Amino acid sequence: MQINASTSNLMATSTPYYPKDAFSINSGASHHLTGNVQLFDQGSLVNFNDTLKVGNAYDMNIVARGSISHRRNLTLPDVRYVPGLGVNVVSVALLDAMDYDVLFSMHGCLVKERLGGEVVGKATLLDGLYMVDYLRIPLDRSCLPDYETVEAALRLW
């Protein structure tokens, strides 16, 4: 709750609170990204050398990648660590590559498994950003489906 006071009136507004380390779901991101090294699981970071081109065509260095799973509302593999990046984002493109669908609505979005339809994540639209309430992607999930997954999908047809 935020209270704005002036001499003539009081106005109270209530907006959902998201901590500084919260993630947003981003359709323009090529990778899952964070600038906060403390979010990663201990021992999961692997050195990685790549470049990220951000919106203003500025290059930032990706120095490592790892997983995040110790937080109660977020389990996410293959997150890139970009020192100095001031936001935490989940890539819609990578979710799609891992066989998840992201369904957007007026108030938020859902992340669902493509084959089983299980809801694995939810985000709330806040000030133009889809802020993650929870997202649970298994750490062994890769961007390319394994042979058994592809075969199971083909059997559906």
N, C-alpha and C. Protein backbone atom coordinates (compact mmCIF):
# COMPACT_ATOMS: atom_id res chain seq x y z
N MET A 1 0.86 -1.17 0.00
CA MET A 1 0.00 0.00 0.00
C MET A 1 0.90 1.23 0.00
N GLN A 2 0.58 2.18 -0.86
CA GLN A 2 1.33 3.41 -0.96
C GLN A 2 0.38 4.55 -0.63
N ILE A 3 0.83 5.48 0.20
CA ILE A 3 -0.02 6.60 0.58
C ILE A 3 0.64 7.89 0.11
N ASN A 4 -0.10 8.67 -0.68
CA ASN A 4 0.36 9.97 -1.13
C ASN A 4 -0.41 11.03 -0.33
N ALA A 5 0.31 11.84 0.37
CA ALA A 5 -0.36 12.83 1.22
C ALA A 5 -0.10 14.24 0.69
N SER A 6 -1.12 15.05 0.72
CA SER A 6 -0.98 16.47 0.44
C SER A 6 -1.77 17.20 1.52
N THR A 7 -1.70 18.51 1.54
CA THR A 7 -2.41 19.25 2.58
C THR A 7 -3.92 19.17 2.41
N SER A 8 -4.40 18.91 1.18
CA SER A 8 -5.84 18.92 0.99
C SER A 8 -6.50 17.54 1.03
N ASN A 9 -5.77 16.48 0.70
CA ASN A 9 -6.41 15.17 0.72
C ASN A 9 -5.38 14.04 0.86
N LEU A 10 -5.90 12.88 1.16
CA LEU A 10 -5.07 11.68 1.21
C LEU A 10 -5.57 10.74 0.12
N MET A 11 -4.63 10.12 -0.57
CA MET A 11 -5.00 9.17 -1.59
C MET A 11 -4.23 7.88 -1.34
N ALA A 12 -4.95 6.78 -1.26
CA ALA A 12 -4.29 5.49 -1.05
C ALA A 12 -4.44 4.65 -2.32
N THR A 13 -3.34 4.05 -2.73
CA THR A 13 -3.38 3.15 -3.87
C THR A 13 -2.79 1.82 -3.45
N SER A 14 -3.29 0.77 -4.04
CA SER A 14 -2.78 -0.56 -3.74
C SER A 14 -2.37 -1.24 -5.03
N THR A 15 -1.12 -1.66 -5.12
CA THR A 15 -0.65 -2.41 -6.28
C THR A 15 0.08 -3.64 -5.78
N PRO A 16 0.05 -4.72 -6.58
CA PRO A 16 0.78 -5.92 -6.17
C PRO A 16 2.26 -5.60 -6.01
N TYR A 17 2.88 -6.24 -5.06
CA TYR A 17 4.29 -6.02 -4.80
C TYR A 17 5.09 -7.17 -5.37
N TYR A 18 6.10 -6.86 -6.16
CA TYR A 18 7.03 -7.86 -6.65
C TYR A 18 8.42 -7.46 -6.19
N PRO A 19 9.16 -8.40 -5.61
CA PRO A 19 10.50 -8.07 -5.14
C PRO A 19 11.42 -7.73 -6.31
N LYS A 20 12.51 -7.07 -5.99
CA LYS A 20 13.47 -6.63 -6.99
C LYS A 20 14.03 -7.80 -7.80
N ASP A 21 14.07 -8.98 -7.20
CA ASP A 21 14.63 -10.14 -7.92
C ASP A 21 13.56 -10.95 -8.66
N ALA A 22 12.36 -10.40 -8.82
CA ALA A 22 11.29 -11.09 -9.54
C ALA A 22 11.62 -11.16 -11.04
N PHE A 23 11.06 -12.16 -11.70
CA PHE A 23 11.25 -12.35 -13.13
C PHE A 23 10.01 -11.90 -13.89
N SER A 24 10.21 -11.43 -15.11
CA SER A 24 9.10 -11.12 -16.00
C SER A 24 9.19 -12.03 -17.23
N ILE A 25 8.03 -12.33 -17.81
CA ILE A 25 7.98 -13.13 -19.03
C ILE A 25 8.06 -12.17 -20.20
N ASN A 26 9.03 -12.41 -21.10
CA ASN A 26 9.35 -11.44 -22.14
C ASN A 26 9.38 -12.11 -23.51
N SER A 27 8.54 -11.63 -24.41
CA SER A 27 8.49 -12.22 -25.75
C SER A 27 9.63 -11.75 -26.64
N GLY A 28 10.38 -10.75 -26.22
CA GLY A 28 11.50 -10.26 -27.01
C GLY A 28 12.84 -10.79 -26.58
N ALA A 29 12.89 -11.57 -25.51
CA ALA A 29 14.16 -12.08 -25.00
C ALA A 29 14.55 -13.37 -25.72
N SER A 30 15.83 -13.46 -26.06
CA SER A 30 16.32 -14.67 -26.73
C SER A 30 16.75 -15.74 -25.74
N HIS A 31 16.99 -15.35 -24.49
CA HIS A 31 17.44 -16.27 -23.45
C HIS A 31 16.75 -15.92 -22.13
N HIS A 32 16.75 -16.87 -21.19
CA HIS A 32 16.39 -16.55 -19.81
C HIS A 32 17.61 -15.81 -19.25
N LEU A 33 17.39 -14.65 -18.61
CA LEU A 33 18.51 -13.79 -18.22
C LEU A 33 18.35 -13.23 -16.82
N THR A 34 19.49 -13.01 -16.16
CA THR A 34 19.52 -12.27 -14.90
C THR A 34 20.88 -11.61 -14.74
N GLY A 35 20.89 -10.53 -14.00
CA GLY A 35 22.13 -9.88 -13.64
C GLY A 35 22.50 -10.13 -12.19
N ASN A 36 21.74 -10.99 -11.51
CA ASN A 36 21.94 -11.27 -10.09
C ASN A 36 22.51 -12.67 -9.90
N VAL A 37 23.81 -12.74 -9.66
CA VAL A 37 24.50 -14.03 -9.53
C VAL A 37 24.02 -14.81 -8.31
N GLN A 38 23.47 -14.12 -7.32
CA GLN A 38 23.04 -14.79 -6.09
C GLN A 38 21.76 -15.60 -6.27
N LEU A 39 21.09 -15.47 -7.39
CA LEU A 39 19.86 -16.23 -7.63
C LEU A 39 20.14 -17.67 -8.05
N PHE A 40 21.35 -17.95 -8.53
CA PHE A 40 21.66 -19.27 -9.08
C PHE A 40 21.85 -20.31 -7.98
N ASP A 41 21.51 -21.56 -8.33
CA ASP A 41 21.77 -22.68 -7.44
C ASP A 41 23.28 -22.80 -7.23
N GLN A 42 23.67 -23.11 -6.01
CA GLN A 42 25.08 -23.27 -5.71
C GLN A 42 25.66 -24.40 -6.56
N GLY A 43 26.77 -24.11 -7.22
CA GLY A 43 27.44 -25.11 -8.04
C GLY A 43 26.87 -25.28 -9.43
N SER A 44 25.82 -24.56 -9.78
CA SER A 44 25.20 -24.76 -11.10
C SER A 44 25.81 -23.87 -12.18
N LEU A 45 26.52 -22.82 -11.79
CA LEU A 45 27.06 -21.89 -12.79
C LEU A 45 28.22 -22.52 -13.56
N VAL A 46 28.16 -22.40 -14.87
CA VAL A 46 29.21 -22.88 -15.76
C VAL A 46 29.67 -21.68 -16.58
N ASN A 47 30.99 -21.50 -16.69
CA ASN A 47 31.50 -20.39 -17.50
C ASN A 47 30.95 -20.49 -18.91
N PHE A 48 30.61 -19.33 -19.44
CA PHE A 48 29.98 -19.27 -20.76
C PHE A 48 30.34 -17.92 -21.34
N ASN A 49 30.78 -17.88 -22.57
CA ASN A 49 31.19 -16.63 -23.17
C ASN A 49 30.35 -16.35 -24.41
N ASP A 50 29.51 -15.34 -24.31
CA ASP A 50 28.66 -14.95 -25.42
C ASP A 50 28.33 -13.47 -25.26
N THR A 51 27.69 -12.92 -26.25
CA THR A 51 27.31 -11.51 -26.21
C THR A 51 25.80 -11.39 -26.35
N LEU A 52 25.23 -10.49 -25.57
CA LEU A 52 23.81 -10.20 -25.62
C LEU A 52 23.64 -8.79 -26.17
N LYS A 53 22.85 -8.65 -27.22
CA LYS A 53 22.56 -7.32 -27.76
C LYS A 53 21.23 -6.88 -27.17
N VAL A 54 21.26 -5.83 -26.37
CA VAL A 54 20.04 -5.34 -25.73
C VAL A 54 19.34 -4.34 -26.64
N GLY A 55 18.15 -3.92 -26.24
CA GLY A 55 17.27 -3.11 -27.07
C GLY A 55 17.87 -1.89 -27.72
N ASN A 56 18.82 -1.26 -27.08
CA ASN A 56 19.41 -0.05 -27.65
C ASN A 56 20.65 -0.38 -28.49
N ALA A 57 20.79 -1.64 -28.91
CA ALA A 57 21.91 -2.13 -29.73
C ALA A 57 23.23 -2.13 -28.97
N TYR A 58 23.16 -2.05 -27.65
CA TYR A 58 24.34 -2.11 -26.80
C TYR A 58 24.66 -3.57 -26.51
N ASP A 59 25.93 -3.94 -26.59
CA ASP A 59 26.35 -5.31 -26.30
C ASP A 59 26.69 -5.47 -24.83
N MET A 60 26.20 -6.58 -24.25
CA MET A 60 26.55 -6.94 -22.87
C MET A 60 27.10 -8.36 -22.90
N ASN A 61 28.04 -8.65 -22.00
CA ASN A 61 28.66 -9.96 -21.97
C ASN A 61 27.87 -10.95 -21.13
N ILE A 62 27.62 -12.12 -21.70
CA ILE A 62 27.09 -13.25 -20.93
C ILE A 62 28.31 -14.01 -20.45
N VAL A 63 28.46 -14.17 -19.13
CA VAL A 63 29.68 -14.78 -18.60
C VAL A 63 29.47 -16.18 -18.04
N ALA A 64 28.22 -16.56 -17.80
CA ALA A 64 27.95 -17.89 -17.24
C ALA A 64 26.50 -18.25 -17.48
N ARG A 65 26.20 -19.52 -17.26
CA ARG A 65 24.81 -19.97 -17.29
C ARG A 65 24.64 -21.02 -16.21
N GLY A 66 23.40 -21.15 -15.74
CA GLY A 66 23.13 -22.11 -14.68
C GLY A 66 21.64 -22.23 -14.46
N SER A 67 21.29 -22.83 -13.34
CA SER A 67 19.88 -23.06 -13.03
C SER A 67 19.48 -22.35 -11.75
N ILE A 68 18.18 -22.09 -11.67
CA ILE A 68 17.60 -21.48 -10.47
C ILE A 68 16.49 -22.40 -10.01
N SER A 69 16.61 -22.93 -8.79
CA SER A 69 15.56 -23.84 -8.30
C SER A 69 15.32 -23.76 -6.81
N HIS A 70 16.09 -22.98 -6.11
CA HIS A 70 15.94 -22.94 -4.65
C HIS A 70 14.86 -21.97 -4.19
N ARG A 71 14.30 -21.24 -5.11
CA ARG A 71 13.25 -20.29 -4.75
C ARG A 71 11.92 -21.00 -4.84
N ARG A 72 11.01 -20.67 -3.97
CA ARG A 72 9.74 -21.40 -3.91
C ARG A 72 8.85 -21.16 -5.13
N ASN A 73 9.04 -20.05 -5.83
CA ASN A 73 8.14 -19.77 -6.95
C ASN A 73 8.79 -19.88 -8.32
N LEU A 74 10.06 -20.28 -8.38
CA LEU A 74 10.73 -20.32 -9.68
C LEU A 74 11.72 -21.47 -9.75
N THR A 75 11.53 -22.32 -10.75
CA THR A 75 12.50 -23.35 -11.11
C THR A 75 12.73 -23.19 -12.60
N LEU A 76 13.97 -22.90 -12.99
CA LEU A 76 14.24 -22.56 -14.38
C LEU A 76 15.65 -22.98 -14.77
N PRO A 77 15.77 -23.83 -15.81
CA PRO A 77 17.10 -24.22 -16.28
C PRO A 77 17.65 -23.23 -17.30
N ASP A 78 18.96 -23.33 -17.54
CA ASP A 78 19.64 -22.61 -18.62
C ASP A 78 19.42 -21.10 -18.57
N VAL A 79 19.64 -20.51 -17.40
CA VAL A 79 19.53 -19.06 -17.23
C VAL A 79 20.92 -18.46 -17.46
N ARG A 80 20.99 -17.42 -18.25
CA ARG A 80 22.27 -16.77 -18.56
C ARG A 80 22.52 -15.66 -17.54
N TYR A 81 23.78 -15.58 -17.08
CA TYR A 81 24.19 -14.53 -16.14
C TYR A 81 24.88 -13.41 -16.91
N VAL A 82 24.31 -12.21 -16.82
CA VAL A 82 24.82 -11.03 -17.51
C VAL A 82 25.08 -9.96 -16.46
N PRO A 83 26.34 -9.82 -16.00
CA PRO A 83 26.64 -8.80 -14.98
C PRO A 83 26.20 -7.41 -15.45
N GLY A 84 25.55 -6.69 -14.56
CA GLY A 84 25.10 -5.34 -14.89
C GLY A 84 23.69 -5.27 -15.45
N LEU A 85 23.12 -6.41 -15.81
CA LEU A 85 21.75 -6.41 -16.31
C LEU A 85 20.81 -6.14 -15.14
N GLY A 86 19.95 -5.17 -15.26
CA GLY A 86 19.10 -4.76 -14.15
C GLY A 86 17.74 -5.42 -14.09
N VAL A 87 17.49 -6.40 -14.95
CA VAL A 87 16.19 -7.08 -14.98
C VAL A 87 16.41 -8.59 -14.99
N ASN A 88 15.35 -9.32 -14.68
CA ASN A 88 15.36 -10.78 -14.73
C ASN A 88 14.24 -11.19 -15.68
N VAL A 89 14.58 -11.94 -16.74
CA VAL A 89 13.56 -12.26 -17.74
C VAL A 89 13.52 -13.74 -18.07
N VAL A 90 12.31 -14.19 -18.37
CA VAL A 90 12.06 -15.54 -18.88
C VAL A 90 11.72 -15.37 -20.35
N SER A 91 12.40 -16.10 -21.21
CA SER A 91 12.22 -16.00 -22.65
C SER A 91 11.04 -16.84 -23.13
N VAL A 92 10.08 -16.21 -23.79
CA VAL A 92 8.96 -16.93 -24.40
C VAL A 92 9.49 -17.86 -25.49
N ALA A 93 10.48 -17.41 -26.27
CA ALA A 93 11.04 -18.23 -27.35
C ALA A 93 11.65 -19.52 -26.80
N LEU A 94 12.36 -19.44 -25.67
CA LEU A 94 12.94 -20.66 -25.09
C LEU A 94 11.87 -21.56 -24.50
N LEU A 95 10.85 -20.97 -23.89
CA LEU A 95 9.75 -21.80 -23.39
C LEU A 95 9.11 -22.56 -24.55
N ASP A 96 8.92 -21.88 -25.67
CA ASP A 96 8.36 -22.53 -26.85
C ASP A 96 9.27 -23.67 -27.33
N ALA A 97 10.57 -23.43 -27.34
CA ALA A 97 11.52 -24.46 -27.77
C ALA A 97 11.54 -25.66 -26.83
N MET A 98 11.12 -25.46 -25.58
CA MET A 98 11.07 -26.55 -24.60
C MET A 98 9.68 -27.17 -24.54
N ASP A 99 8.85 -26.90 -25.54
CA ASP A 99 7.49 -27.47 -25.64
C ASP A 99 6.51 -26.94 -24.60
N TYR A 100 6.59 -25.65 -24.33
CA TYR A 100 5.60 -24.98 -23.48
C TYR A 100 4.89 -23.92 -24.31
N ASP A 101 3.62 -23.71 -24.02
CA ASP A 101 2.85 -22.64 -24.63
C ASP A 101 2.64 -21.54 -23.60
N VAL A 102 2.73 -20.29 -24.04
CA VAL A 102 2.46 -19.14 -23.17
C VAL A 102 1.18 -18.50 -23.69
N LEU A 103 0.15 -18.49 -22.84
CA LEU A 103 -1.16 -17.98 -23.22
C LEU A 103 -1.40 -16.65 -22.53
N PHE A 104 -1.42 -15.57 -23.31
CA PHE A 104 -1.56 -14.23 -22.77
C PHE A 104 -3.03 -13.83 -22.71
N SER A 105 -3.37 -13.05 -21.68
CA SER A 105 -4.72 -12.51 -21.54
C SER A 105 -4.61 -11.06 -21.08
N MET A 106 -5.77 -10.44 -20.82
CA MET A 106 -5.78 -9.04 -20.39
C MET A 106 -5.10 -8.82 -19.04
N HIS A 107 -5.10 -9.84 -18.20
CA HIS A 107 -4.63 -9.65 -16.83
C HIS A 107 -3.35 -10.41 -16.51
N GLY A 108 -2.89 -11.25 -17.43
CA GLY A 108 -1.69 -12.02 -17.16
C GLY A 108 -1.46 -13.08 -18.20
N CYS A 109 -0.77 -14.12 -17.82
CA CYS A 109 -0.55 -15.22 -18.74
C CYS A 109 -0.33 -16.52 -17.98
N LEU A 110 -0.53 -17.61 -18.70
CA LEU A 110 -0.29 -18.95 -18.17
C LEU A 110 0.76 -19.62 -19.03
N VAL A 111 1.58 -20.46 -18.41
CA VAL A 111 2.55 -21.29 -19.13
C VAL A 111 2.07 -22.72 -18.96
N LYS A 112 1.84 -23.41 -20.11
CA LYS A 112 1.31 -24.77 -20.09
C LYS A 112 2.20 -25.71 -20.89
N GLU A 113 2.28 -26.96 -20.41
CA GLU A 113 2.97 -27.98 -21.20
C GLU A 113 2.20 -28.21 -22.49
N ARG A 114 2.91 -28.29 -23.58
CA ARG A 114 2.26 -28.45 -24.87
C ARG A 114 1.55 -29.80 -25.00
N LEU A 115 2.18 -30.87 -24.56
CA LEU A 115 1.59 -32.20 -24.73
C LEU A 115 0.50 -32.50 -23.71
N GLY A 116 0.78 -32.29 -22.44
CA GLY A 116 -0.18 -32.66 -21.41
C GLY A 116 -1.14 -31.57 -21.00
N GLY A 117 -0.81 -30.33 -21.30
CA GLY A 117 -1.68 -29.22 -20.94
C GLY A 117 -1.57 -28.76 -19.50
N GLU A 118 -0.64 -29.35 -18.74
CA GLU A 118 -0.49 -28.97 -17.33
C GLU A 118 0.02 -27.54 -17.21
N VAL A 119 -0.61 -26.75 -16.34
CA VAL A 119 -0.16 -25.38 -16.08
C VAL A 119 1.06 -25.45 -15.17
N VAL A 120 2.18 -24.90 -15.65
CA VAL A 120 3.42 -24.91 -14.87
C VAL A 120 3.84 -23.51 -14.45
N GLY A 121 3.10 -22.50 -14.90
CA GLY A 121 3.46 -21.14 -14.54
C GLY A 121 2.32 -20.17 -14.72
N LYS A 122 2.42 -19.07 -13.99
CA LYS A 122 1.41 -18.01 -14.04
C LYS A 122 2.12 -16.69 -13.83
N ALA A 123 1.68 -15.67 -14.57
CA ALA A 123 2.23 -14.32 -14.40
C ALA A 123 1.07 -13.33 -14.40
N THR A 124 1.28 -12.22 -13.69
CA THR A 124 0.28 -11.16 -13.59
C THR A 124 0.77 -9.94 -14.35
N LEU A 125 -0.11 -9.34 -15.15
CA LEU A 125 0.24 -8.13 -15.89
C LEU A 125 0.27 -6.95 -14.92
N LEU A 126 1.42 -6.31 -14.83
CA LEU A 126 1.61 -5.19 -13.91
C LEU A 126 2.46 -4.13 -14.59
N ASP A 127 1.88 -2.97 -14.81
CA ASP A 127 2.59 -1.86 -15.45
C ASP A 127 3.23 -2.27 -16.77
N GLY A 128 2.51 -3.07 -17.56
CA GLY A 128 2.99 -3.47 -18.87
C GLY A 128 3.92 -4.66 -18.89
N LEU A 129 4.23 -5.23 -17.74
CA LEU A 129 5.12 -6.39 -17.66
C LEU A 129 4.36 -7.59 -17.10
N TYR A 130 4.66 -8.76 -17.62
CA TYR A 130 4.07 -10.01 -17.11
C TYR A 130 4.98 -10.55 -16.02
N MET A 131 4.66 -10.21 -14.77
CA MET A 131 5.51 -10.57 -13.63
C MET A 131 5.17 -11.98 -13.15
N VAL A 132 6.20 -12.81 -13.03
CA VAL A 132 6.02 -14.22 -12.69
C VAL A 132 5.52 -14.38 -11.25
N ASP A 133 4.38 -15.03 -11.10
CA ASP A 133 3.89 -15.44 -9.79
C ASP A 133 4.54 -16.76 -9.40
N TYR A 134 4.56 -17.68 -10.36
CA TYR A 134 5.31 -18.94 -10.19
C TYR A 134 5.60 -19.52 -11.57
N LEU A 135 6.70 -20.25 -11.65
CA LEU A 135 7.07 -20.95 -12.87
C LEU A 135 7.95 -22.12 -12.48
N ARG A 136 7.53 -23.32 -12.85
CA ARG A 136 8.26 -24.53 -12.47
C ARG A 136 8.58 -25.35 -13.71
N ILE A 137 9.77 -25.12 -14.27
CA ILE A 137 10.26 -25.87 -15.42
C ILE A 137 11.30 -26.85 -14.89
N PRO A 138 11.14 -28.15 -15.14
CA PRO A 138 12.12 -29.12 -14.65
C PRO A 138 13.54 -28.78 -15.13
N LEU A 139 14.50 -28.94 -14.23
CA LEU A 139 15.88 -28.56 -14.56
C LEU A 139 16.48 -29.43 -15.65
N ASP A 140 15.94 -30.61 -15.87
CA ASP A 140 16.47 -31.47 -16.92
C ASP A 140 15.81 -31.23 -18.28
N ARG A 141 14.94 -30.24 -18.34
CA ARG A 141 14.25 -29.92 -19.60
C ARG A 141 15.21 -29.14 -20.49
N SER A 142 15.40 -29.60 -21.70
CA SER A 142 16.29 -28.91 -22.62
C SER A 142 15.47 -28.20 -23.68
N CYS A 143 16.14 -27.41 -24.50
CA CYS A 143 15.45 -26.68 -25.56
C CYS A 143 15.04 -27.58 -26.71
N LEU A 144 15.64 -28.74 -26.82
CA LEU A 144 15.27 -29.69 -27.86
C LEU A 144 14.60 -30.88 -27.22
N PRO A 145 13.43 -31.27 -27.69
CA PRO A 145 12.75 -32.41 -27.08
C PRO A 145 13.54 -33.69 -27.31
N ASP A 146 13.48 -34.59 -26.36
CA ASP A 146 14.16 -35.87 -26.53
C ASP A 146 13.35 -36.76 -27.46
N TYR A 147 13.96 -37.84 -27.90
CA TYR A 147 13.35 -38.74 -28.88
C TYR A 147 12.01 -39.29 -28.40
N GLU A 148 11.91 -39.66 -27.13
CA GLU A 148 10.67 -40.22 -26.59
C GLU A 148 9.53 -39.20 -26.65
N THR A 149 9.83 -37.93 -26.38
CA THR A 149 8.81 -36.89 -26.43
C THR A 149 8.29 -36.72 -27.85
N VAL A 150 9.20 -36.69 -28.82
CA VAL A 150 8.81 -36.54 -30.22
C VAL A 150 7.97 -37.74 -30.65
N GLU A 151 8.42 -38.93 -30.29
CA GLU A 151 7.69 -40.14 -30.66
C GLU A 151 6.29 -40.15 -30.05
N ALA A 152 6.17 -39.73 -28.80
CA ALA A 152 4.85 -39.68 -28.14
C ALA A 152 3.94 -38.69 -28.85
N ALA A 153 4.47 -37.56 -29.27
CA ALA A 153 3.68 -36.56 -29.98
C ALA A 153 3.20 -37.10 -31.32
N LEU A 154 4.06 -37.84 -32.01
CA LEU A 154 3.68 -38.40 -33.30
C LEU A 154 2.60 -39.46 -33.16
N ARG A 155 2.60 -40.19 -32.05
CA ARG A 155 1.58 -41.22 -31.83
C ARG A 155 0.20 -40.61 -31.65
N LEU A 156 0.14 -39.34 -31.24
CA LEU A 156 -1.15 -38.68 -31.07
C LEU A 156 -1.87 -38.53 -32.41
N TRP A 157 -1.15 -38.49 -33.48
CA TRP A 157 -1.73 -38.29 -34.80
C TRP A 157 -1.92 -39.62 -35.42
